Amino acid sequence: NNKQIIPAAWVEEATKYQVPNAASTTPVHDWN
């Protein structure tokens, strides 16, 4: 509603790839 509720920079930091969470050899799924 035209107001910045959460800082856009935080949204970017929080939702981007920060760390790997599985071995690269595992089959592709939504937890790696």
PDB file of all heavy atoms in Angstrom:
ATOM      1  N   ASN A   1       0.824  -1.215   0.000  1.00  0.00           N
ATOM      2  CA  ASN A   1       0.000   0.000   0.000  1.00  0.00           C
ATOM      3  C   ASN A   1       0.860   1.267   0.000  1.00  0.00           C
ATOM      4  O   ASN A   1       0.652   2.191   0.786  1.00  0.00           O
ATOM      5  CB  ASN A   1      -0.963   0.010   1.183  1.00  0.00           C
ATOM      6  CG  ASN A   1      -2.142  -0.920   0.979  1.00  0.00           C
ATOM      7  OD1 ASN A   1      -2.423  -1.355  -0.142  1.00  0.00           O
ATOM      8  ND2 ASN A   1      -2.833  -1.244   2.048  1.00  0.00           N
ATOM      9  N   ASN A   2       1.842   1.288  -0.877  1.00  0.00           N
ATOM     10  CA  ASN A   2       2.710   2.446  -1.073  1.00  0.00           C
ATOM     11  C   ASN A   2       3.623   2.738   0.116  1.00  0.00           C
ATOM     12  O   ASN A   2       4.214   3.814   0.193  1.00  0.00           O
ATOM     13  CB  ASN A   2       1.890   3.701  -1.394  1.00  0.00           C
ATOM     14  CG  ASN A   2       1.052   3.524  -2.637  1.00  0.00           C
ATOM     15  OD1 ASN A   2       1.513   2.962  -3.633  1.00  0.00           O
ATOM     16  ND2 ASN A   2      -0.189   3.989  -2.590  1.00  0.00           N
ATOM     17  N   LYS A   3       3.748   1.799   1.033  1.00  0.00           N
ATOM     18  CA  LYS A   3       4.641   1.977   2.169  1.00  0.00           C
ATOM     19  C   LYS A   3       5.658   0.840   2.189  1.00  0.00           C
ATOM     20  O   LYS A   3       5.335  -0.301   1.880  1.00  0.00           O
ATOM     21  CB  LYS A   3       3.859   1.991   3.493  1.00  0.00           C
ATOM     22  CG  LYS A   3       2.928   3.181   3.639  1.00  0.00           C
ATOM     23  CD  LYS A   3       2.225   3.161   4.996  1.00  0.00           C
ATOM     24  CE  LYS A   3       1.305   4.364   5.156  1.00  0.00           C
ATOM     25  NZ  LYS A   3       0.587   4.345   6.461  1.00  0.00           N
ATOM     26  N   GLN A   4       6.881   1.185   2.559  1.00  0.00           N
ATOM     27  CA  GLN A   4       7.925   0.171   2.639  1.00  0.00           C
ATOM     28  C   GLN A   4       7.855  -0.472   4.016  1.00  0.00           C
ATOM     29  O   GLN A   4       8.310   0.085   5.014  1.00  0.00           O
ATOM     30  CB  GLN A   4       9.301   0.801   2.397  1.00  0.00           C
ATOM     31  CG  GLN A   4      10.376  -0.202   2.045  1.00  0.00           C
ATOM     32  CD  GLN A   4      10.213  -0.767   0.625  1.00  0.00           C
ATOM     33  OE1 GLN A   4       9.753  -0.072  -0.268  1.00  0.00           O
ATOM     34  NE2 GLN A   4      10.606  -2.018   0.426  1.00  0.00           N
ATOM     35  N   ILE A   5       7.264  -1.666   4.097  1.00  0.00           N
ATOM     36  CA  ILE A   5       7.081  -2.356   5.365  1.00  0.00           C
ATOM     37  C   ILE A   5       8.368  -3.034   5.812  1.00  0.00           C
ATOM     38  O   ILE A   5       8.736  -2.990   6.989  1.00  0.00           O
ATOM     39  CB  ILE A   5       5.947  -3.404   5.244  1.00  0.00           C
ATOM     40  CG1 ILE A   5       4.659  -2.749   4.755  1.00  0.00           C
ATOM     41  CG2 ILE A   5       5.720  -4.103   6.577  1.00  0.00           C
ATOM     42  CD1 ILE A   5       4.132  -1.657   5.648  1.00  0.00           C
ATOM     43  N   ILE A   6       9.046  -3.687   4.889  1.00  0.00           N
ATOM     44  CA  ILE A   6      10.336  -4.328   5.145  1.00  0.00           C
ATOM     45  C   ILE A   6      11.351  -3.680   4.204  1.00  0.00           C
ATOM     46  O   ILE A   6      11.040  -3.441   3.032  1.00  0.00           O
ATOM     47  CB  ILE A   6      10.294  -5.840   4.851  1.00  0.00           C
ATOM     48  CG1 ILE A   6       9.105  -6.511   5.545  1.00  0.00           C
ATOM     49  CG2 ILE A   6      11.585  -6.524   5.287  1.00  0.00           C
ATOM     50  CD1 ILE A   6       8.881  -7.937   5.080  1.00  0.00           C
ATOM     51  N   PRO A   7      12.556  -3.377   4.661  1.00  0.00           N
ATOM     52  CA  PRO A   7      13.556  -2.821   3.754  1.00  0.00           C
ATOM     53  C   PRO A   7      13.779  -3.721   2.544  1.00  0.00           C
ATOM     54  O   PRO A   7      13.940  -4.942   2.677  1.00  0.00           O
ATOM     55  CB  PRO A   7      14.818  -2.745   4.614  1.00  0.00           C
ATOM     56  CG  PRO A   7      14.323  -2.686   6.013  1.00  0.00           C
ATOM     57  CD  PRO A   7      13.067  -3.505   6.045  1.00  0.00           C
ATOM     58  N   ALA A   8      13.776  -3.125   1.363  1.00  0.00           N
ATOM     59  CA  ALA A   8      13.988  -3.913   0.142  1.00  0.00           C
ATOM     60  C   ALA A   8      15.342  -4.622   0.179  1.00  0.00           C
ATOM     61  O   ALA A   8      15.477  -5.747  -0.326  1.00  0.00           O
ATOM     62  CB  ALA A   8      13.894  -2.997  -1.081  1.00  0.00           C
ATOM     63  N   ALA A   9      16.343  -3.984   0.789  1.00  0.00           N
ATOM     64  CA  ALA A   9      17.660  -4.615   0.877  1.00  0.00           C
ATOM     65  C   ALA A   9      17.611  -5.876   1.729  1.00  0.00           C
ATOM     66  O   ALA A   9      18.309  -6.862   1.451  1.00  0.00           O
ATOM     67  CB  ALA A   9      18.679  -3.629   1.451  1.00  0.00           C
ATOM     68  N   TRP A  10      16.779  -5.868   2.775  1.00  0.00           N
ATOM     69  CA  TRP A  10      16.663  -7.070   3.598  1.00  0.00           C
ATOM     70  C   TRP A  10      15.957  -8.184   2.832  1.00  0.00           C
ATOM     71  O   TRP A  10      16.353  -9.354   2.911  1.00  0.00           O
ATOM     72  CB  TRP A  10      15.916  -6.785   4.894  1.00  0.00           C
ATOM     73  CG  TRP A  10      15.825  -8.015   5.757  1.00  0.00           C
ATOM     74  CD1 TRP A  10      14.815  -8.911   5.823  1.00  0.00           C
ATOM     75  CD2 TRP A  10      16.847  -8.516   6.627  1.00  0.00           C
ATOM     76  NE1 TRP A  10      15.110  -9.940   6.686  1.00  0.00           N
ATOM     77  CE2 TRP A  10      16.364  -9.719   7.191  1.00  0.00           C
ATOM     78  CE3 TRP A  10      18.124  -8.059   6.993  1.00  0.00           C
ATOM     79  CZ2 TRP A  10      17.117 -10.464   8.107  1.00  0.00           C
ATOM     80  CZ3 TRP A  10      18.867  -8.809   7.902  1.00  0.00           C
ATOM     81  CH2 TRP A  10      18.368  -9.989   8.437  1.00  0.00           C
ATOM     82  N   VAL A  11      14.907  -7.856   2.109  1.00  0.00           N
ATOM     83  CA  VAL A  11      14.216  -8.854   1.297  1.00  0.00           C
ATOM     84  C   VAL A  11      15.202  -9.533   0.358  1.00  0.00           C
ATOM     85  O   VAL A  11      15.210 -10.758   0.212  1.00  0.00           O
ATOM     86  CB  VAL A  11      13.059  -8.218   0.507  1.00  0.00           C
ATOM     87  CG1 VAL A  11      12.461  -9.204  -0.487  1.00  0.00           C
ATOM     88  CG2 VAL A  11      11.980  -7.698   1.453  1.00  0.00           C
ATOM     89  N   GLU A  12      16.057  -8.751  -0.265  1.00  0.00           N
ATOM     90  CA  GLU A  12      17.046  -9.288  -1.185  1.00  0.00           C
ATOM     91  C   GLU A  12      18.029 -10.206  -0.465  1.00  0.00           C
ATOM     92  O   GLU A  12      18.313 -11.321  -0.918  1.00  0.00           O
ATOM     93  CB  GLU A  12      17.809  -8.145  -1.863  1.00  0.00           C
ATOM     94  CG  GLU A  12      18.980  -8.565  -2.738  1.00  0.00           C
ATOM     95  CD  GLU A  12      18.568  -9.359  -3.967  1.00  0.00           C
ATOM     96  OE1 GLU A  12      17.396  -9.242  -4.387  1.00  0.00           O
ATOM     97  OE2 GLU A  12      19.406 -10.101  -4.506  1.00  0.00           O
ATOM     98  N   GLU A  13      18.541  -9.746   0.688  1.00  0.00           N
ATOM     99  CA  GLU A  13      19.512 -10.539   1.428  1.00  0.00           C
ATOM    100  C   GLU A  13      18.891 -11.823   1.967  1.00  0.00           C
ATOM    101  O   GLU A  13      19.493 -12.895   1.929  1.00  0.00           O
ATOM    102  CB  GLU A  13      20.080  -9.712   2.595  1.00  0.00           C
ATOM    103  CG  GLU A  13      21.058  -8.632   2.188  1.00  0.00           C
ATOM    104  CD  GLU A  13      22.352  -9.227   1.669  1.00  0.00           C
ATOM    105  OE1 GLU A  13      23.016  -9.973   2.417  1.00  0.00           O
ATOM    106  OE2 GLU A  13      22.692  -8.967   0.508  1.00  0.00           O
ATOM    107  N   ALA A  14      17.680 -11.719   2.476  1.00  0.00           N
ATOM    108  CA  ALA A  14      17.047 -12.863   3.138  1.00  0.00           C
ATOM    109  C   ALA A  14      16.687 -13.972   2.174  1.00  0.00           C
ATOM    110  O   ALA A  14      16.701 -15.151   2.544  1.00  0.00           O
ATOM    111  CB  ALA A  14      15.810 -12.395   3.900  1.00  0.00           C
ATOM    112  N   THR A  15      16.341 -13.619   0.958  1.00  0.00           N
ATOM    113  CA  THR A  15      15.801 -14.614   0.032  1.00  0.00           C
ATOM    114  C   THR A  15      16.801 -15.078  -1.021  1.00  0.00           C
ATOM    115  O   THR A  15      16.495 -15.993  -1.786  1.00  0.00           O
ATOM    116  CB  THR A  15      14.557 -14.061  -0.680  1.00  0.00           C
ATOM    117  OG1 THR A  15      14.923 -12.902  -1.444  1.00  0.00           O
ATOM    118  CG2 THR A  15      13.479 -13.674   0.328  1.00  0.00           C
ATOM    119  N   LYS A  16      17.977 -14.488  -1.071  1.00  0.00           N
ATOM    120  CA  LYS A  16      18.947 -14.924  -2.068  1.00  0.00           C
ATOM    121  C   LYS A  16      19.752 -16.115  -1.542  1.00  0.00           C
ATOM    122  O   LYS A  16      19.721 -16.457  -0.361  1.00  0.00           O
ATOM    123  CB  LYS A  16      19.878 -13.779  -2.452  1.00  0.00           C
ATOM    124  CG  LYS A  16      20.954 -13.436  -1.440  1.00  0.00           C
ATOM    125  CD  LYS A  16      21.838 -12.300  -1.942  1.00  0.00           C
ATOM    126  CE  LYS A  16      22.991 -12.013  -0.998  1.00  0.00           C
ATOM    127  NZ  LYS A  16      23.841 -10.900  -1.471  1.00  0.00           N
ATOM    128  N   TYR A  17      20.480 -16.740  -2.431  1.00  0.00           N
ATOM    129  CA  TYR A  17      21.364 -17.867  -2.091  1.00  0.00           C
ATOM    130  C   TYR A  17      22.489 -17.340  -1.196  1.00  0.00           C
ATOM    131  O   TYR A  17      23.345 -16.589  -1.631  1.00  0.00           O
ATOM    132  CB  TYR A  17      21.927 -18.462  -3.375  1.00  0.00           C
ATOM    133  CG  TYR A  17      22.762 -19.712  -3.220  1.00  0.00           C
ATOM    134  CD1 TYR A  17      22.286 -20.944  -3.656  1.00  0.00           C
ATOM    135  CD2 TYR A  17      24.046 -19.664  -2.681  1.00  0.00           C
ATOM    136  CE1 TYR A  17      23.052 -22.092  -3.552  1.00  0.00           C
ATOM    137  CE2 TYR A  17      24.819 -20.801  -2.563  1.00  0.00           C
ATOM    138  CZ  TYR A  17      24.320 -22.016  -3.006  1.00  0.00           C
ATOM    139  OH  TYR A  17      25.089 -23.146  -2.897  1.00  0.00           O
ATOM    140  N   GLN A  18      22.465 -17.753   0.077  1.00  0.00           N
ATOM    141  CA  GLN A  18      23.521 -17.365   1.006  1.00  0.00           C
ATOM    142  C   GLN A  18      24.532 -18.481   1.230  1.00  0.00           C
ATOM    143  O   GLN A  18      25.735 -18.233   1.270  1.00  0.00           O
ATOM    144  CB  GLN A  18      22.902 -16.955   2.355  1.00  0.00           C
ATOM    145  CG  GLN A  18      22.102 -15.662   2.339  1.00  0.00           C
ATOM    146  CD  GLN A  18      22.982 -14.431   2.374  1.00  0.00           C
ATOM    147  OE1 GLN A  18      24.212 -14.520   2.538  1.00  0.00           O
ATOM    148  NE2 GLN A  18      22.380 -13.271   2.202  1.00  0.00           N
ATOM    149  N   VAL A  19      24.028 -19.725   1.370  1.00  0.00           N
ATOM    150  CA  VAL A  19      24.917 -20.846   1.657  1.00  0.00           C
ATOM    151  C   VAL A  19      24.409 -22.087   0.933  1.00  0.00           C
ATOM    152  O   VAL A  19      23.210 -22.236   0.697  1.00  0.00           O
ATOM    153  CB  VAL A  19      24.998 -21.137   3.180  1.00  0.00           C
ATOM    154  CG1 VAL A  19      25.623 -19.979   3.915  1.00  0.00           C
ATOM    155  CG2 VAL A  19      23.621 -21.462   3.753  1.00  0.00           C
ATOM    156  N   PRO A  20      25.305 -23.014   0.591  1.00  0.00           N
ATOM    157  CA  PRO A  20      24.855 -24.299   0.035  1.00  0.00           C
ATOM    158  C   PRO A  20      24.275 -25.153   1.155  1.00  0.00           C
ATOM    159  O   PRO A  20      24.700 -25.056   2.306  1.00  0.00           O
ATOM    160  CB  PRO A  20      26.142 -24.901  -0.528  1.00  0.00           C
ATOM    161  CG  PRO A  20      27.233 -24.298   0.308  1.00  0.00           C
ATOM    162  CD  PRO A  20      26.777 -22.904   0.654  1.00  0.00           C
ATOM    163  N   ASN A  21      23.323 -25.999   0.797  1.00  0.00           N
ATOM    164  CA  ASN A  21      22.701 -26.826   1.837  1.00  0.00           C
ATOM    165  C   ASN A  21      22.645 -28.303   1.468  1.00  0.00           C
ATOM    166  O   ASN A  21      21.868 -29.059   2.052  1.00  0.00           O
ATOM    167  CB  ASN A  21      21.294 -26.316   2.165  1.00  0.00           C
ATOM    168  CG  ASN A  21      20.366 -26.334   0.969  1.00  0.00           C
ATOM    169  OD1 ASN A  21      20.797 -26.537  -0.158  1.00  0.00           O
ATOM    170  ND2 ASN A  21      19.087 -26.114   1.200  1.00  0.00           N
ATOM    171  N   ALA A  22      23.444 -28.709   0.500  1.00  0.00           N
ATOM    172  CA  ALA A  22      23.514 -30.126   0.140  1.00  0.00           C
ATOM    173  C   ALA A  22      24.719 -30.351  -0.749  1.00  0.00           C
ATOM    174  O   ALA A  22      25.255 -29.414  -1.358  1.00  0.00           O
ATOM    175  CB  ALA A  22      22.242 -30.563  -0.587  1.00  0.00           C
ATOM    176  N   ALA A  23      25.145 -31.593  -0.821  1.00  0.00           N
ATOM    177  CA  ALA A  23      26.248 -31.943  -1.713  1.00  0.00           C
ATOM    178  C   ALA A  23      25.829 -31.753  -3.161  1.00  0.00           C
ATOM    179  O   ALA A  23      24.682 -32.005  -3.530  1.00  0.00           O
ATOM    180  CB  ALA A  23      26.676 -33.388  -1.470  1.00  0.00           C
ATOM    181  N   SER A  24      26.751 -31.329  -3.982  1.00  0.00           N
ATOM    182  CA  SER A  24      26.438 -31.034  -5.384  1.00  0.00           C
ATOM    183  C   SER A  24      26.085 -32.288  -6.175  1.00  0.00           C
ATOM    184  O   SER A  24      25.511 -32.200  -7.260  1.00  0.00           O
ATOM    185  CB  SER A  24      27.630 -30.335  -6.041  1.00  0.00           C
ATOM    186  OG  SER A  24      28.786 -31.161  -5.983  1.00  0.00           O
ATOM    187  N   THR A  25      26.408 -33.455  -5.632  1.00  0.00           N
ATOM    188  CA  THR A  25      26.152 -34.695  -6.360  1.00  0.00           C
ATOM    189  C   THR A  25      24.745 -35.245  -6.131  1.00  0.00           C
ATOM    190  O   THR A  25      24.355 -36.216  -6.780  1.00  0.00           O
ATOM    191  CB  THR A  25      27.164 -35.769  -5.935  1.00  0.00           C
ATOM    192  OG1 THR A  25      27.095 -35.933  -4.507  1.00  0.00           O
ATOM    193  CG2 THR A  25      28.578 -35.362  -6.326  1.00  0.00           C
ATOM    194  N   THR A  26      23.990 -34.663  -5.207  1.00  0.00           N
ATOM    195  CA  THR A  26      22.655 -35.186  -4.923  1.00  0.00           C
ATOM    196  C   THR A  26      21.695 -34.821  -6.046  1.00  0.00           C
ATOM    197  O   THR A  26      21.858 -33.806  -6.724  1.00  0.00           O
ATOM    198  CB  THR A  26      22.117 -34.619  -3.599  1.00  0.00           C
ATOM    199  OG1 THR A  26      22.093 -33.192  -3.680  1.00  0.00           O
ATOM    200  CG2 THR A  26      22.969 -35.052  -2.432  1.00  0.00           C
ATOM    201  N   PRO A  27      20.661 -35.645  -6.271  1.00  0.00           N
ATOM    202  CA  PRO A  27      19.685 -35.327  -7.319  1.00  0.00           C
ATOM    203  C   PRO A  27      19.005 -33.987  -7.041  1.00  0.00           C
ATOM    204  O   PRO A  27      18.862 -33.567  -5.889  1.00  0.00           O
ATOM    205  CB  PRO A  27      18.684 -36.486  -7.217  1.00  0.00           C
ATOM    206  CG  PRO A  27      19.433 -37.589  -6.538  1.00  0.00           C
ATOM    207  CD  PRO A  27      20.392 -36.928  -5.607  1.00  0.00           C
ATOM    208  N   VAL A  28      18.575 -33.340  -8.096  1.00  0.00           N
ATOM    209  CA  VAL A  28      17.950 -32.024  -7.958  1.00  0.00           C
ATOM    210  C   VAL A  28      16.589 -32.154  -7.272  1.00  0.00           C
ATOM    211  O   VAL A  28      15.744 -32.945  -7.678  1.00  0.00           O
ATOM    212  CB  VAL A  28      17.778 -31.359  -9.336  1.00  0.00           C
ATOM    213  CG1 VAL A  28      16.988 -30.060  -9.208  1.00  0.00           C
ATOM    214  CG2 VAL A  28      19.145 -31.086  -9.954  1.00  0.00           C
ATOM    215  N   HIS A  29      16.407 -31.420  -6.213  1.00  0.00           N
ATOM    216  CA  HIS A  29      15.106 -31.301  -5.568  1.00  0.00           C
ATOM    217  C   HIS A  29      15.086 -29.965  -4.834  1.00  0.00           C
ATOM    218  O   HIS A  29      16.030 -29.174  -4.920  1.00  0.00           O
ATOM    219  CB  HIS A  29      14.804 -32.488  -4.640  1.00  0.00           C
ATOM    220  CG  HIS A  29      15.837 -32.712  -3.576  1.00  0.00           C
ATOM    221  ND1 HIS A  29      15.960 -31.916  -2.458  1.00  0.00           N
ATOM    222  CD2 HIS A  29      16.801 -33.659  -3.449  1.00  0.00           C
ATOM    223  CE1 HIS A  29      16.930 -32.350  -1.692  1.00  0.00           C
ATOM    224  NE2 HIS A  29      17.470 -33.409  -2.282  1.00  0.00           N
ATOM    225  N   ASP A  30      14.018 -29.704  -4.116  1.00  0.00           N
ATOM    226  CA  ASP A  30      13.834 -28.371  -3.546  1.00  0.00           C
ATOM    227  C   ASP A  30      14.492 -28.178  -2.191  1.00  0.00           C
ATOM    228  O   ASP A  30      14.332 -27.116  -1.579  1.00  0.00           O
ATOM    229  CB  ASP A  30      12.339 -28.045  -3.474  1.00  0.00           C
ATOM    230  CG  ASP A  30      11.761 -27.731  -4.844  1.00  0.00           C
ATOM    231  OD1 ASP A  30      12.032 -26.625  -5.342  1.00  0.00           O
ATOM    232  OD2 ASP A  30      11.093 -28.588  -5.428  1.00  0.00           O
ATOM    233  N   TRP A  31      15.232 -29.169  -1.719  1.00  0.00           N
ATOM    234  CA  TRP A  31      15.973 -28.991  -0.476  1.00  0.00           C
ATOM    235  C   TRP A  31      17.483 -29.000  -0.713  1.00  0.00           C
ATOM    236  O   TRP A  31      18.245 -29.173   0.224  1.00  0.00           O
ATOM    237  CB  TRP A  31      15.558 -30.079   0.535  1.00  0.00           C
ATOM    238  CG  TRP A  31      14.295 -29.679   1.232  1.00  0.00           C
ATOM    239  CD1 TRP A  31      14.184 -29.001   2.421  1.00  0.00           C
ATOM    240  CD2 TRP A  31      12.957 -29.894   0.764  1.00  0.00           C
ATOM    241  NE1 TRP A  31      12.858 -28.777   2.711  1.00  0.00           N
ATOM    242  CE2 TRP A  31      12.074 -29.312   1.732  1.00  0.00           C
ATOM    243  CE3 TRP A  31      12.409 -30.498  -0.350  1.00  0.00           C
ATOM    244  CZ2 TRP A  31      10.691 -29.337   1.580  1.00  0.00           C
ATOM    245  CZ3 TRP A  31      11.024 -30.523  -0.491  1.00  0.00           C
ATOM    246  CH2 TRP A  31      10.187 -29.948   0.472  1.00  0.00           C
ATOM    247  N   ASN A  32      17.902 -28.769  -1.952  1.00  0.00           N
ATOM    248  CA  ASN A  32      19.342 -28.619  -2.190  1.00  0.00           C
ATOM    249  C   ASN A  32      19.623 -27.463  -3.145  1.00  0.00           C
ATOM    250  O   ASN A  32      20.596 -27.473  -3.888  1.00  0.00           O
ATOM    251  CB  ASN A  32      19.952 -29.917  -2.711  1.00  0.00           C
ATOM    252  CG  ASN A  32      19.388 -30.350  -4.069  1.00  0.00           C
ATOM    253  OD1 ASN A  32      18.585 -29.644  -4.678  1.00  0.00           O
ATOM    254  ND2 ASN A  32      19.813 -31.516  -4.542  1.00  0.00           N
TER     255      ASN A  32
END
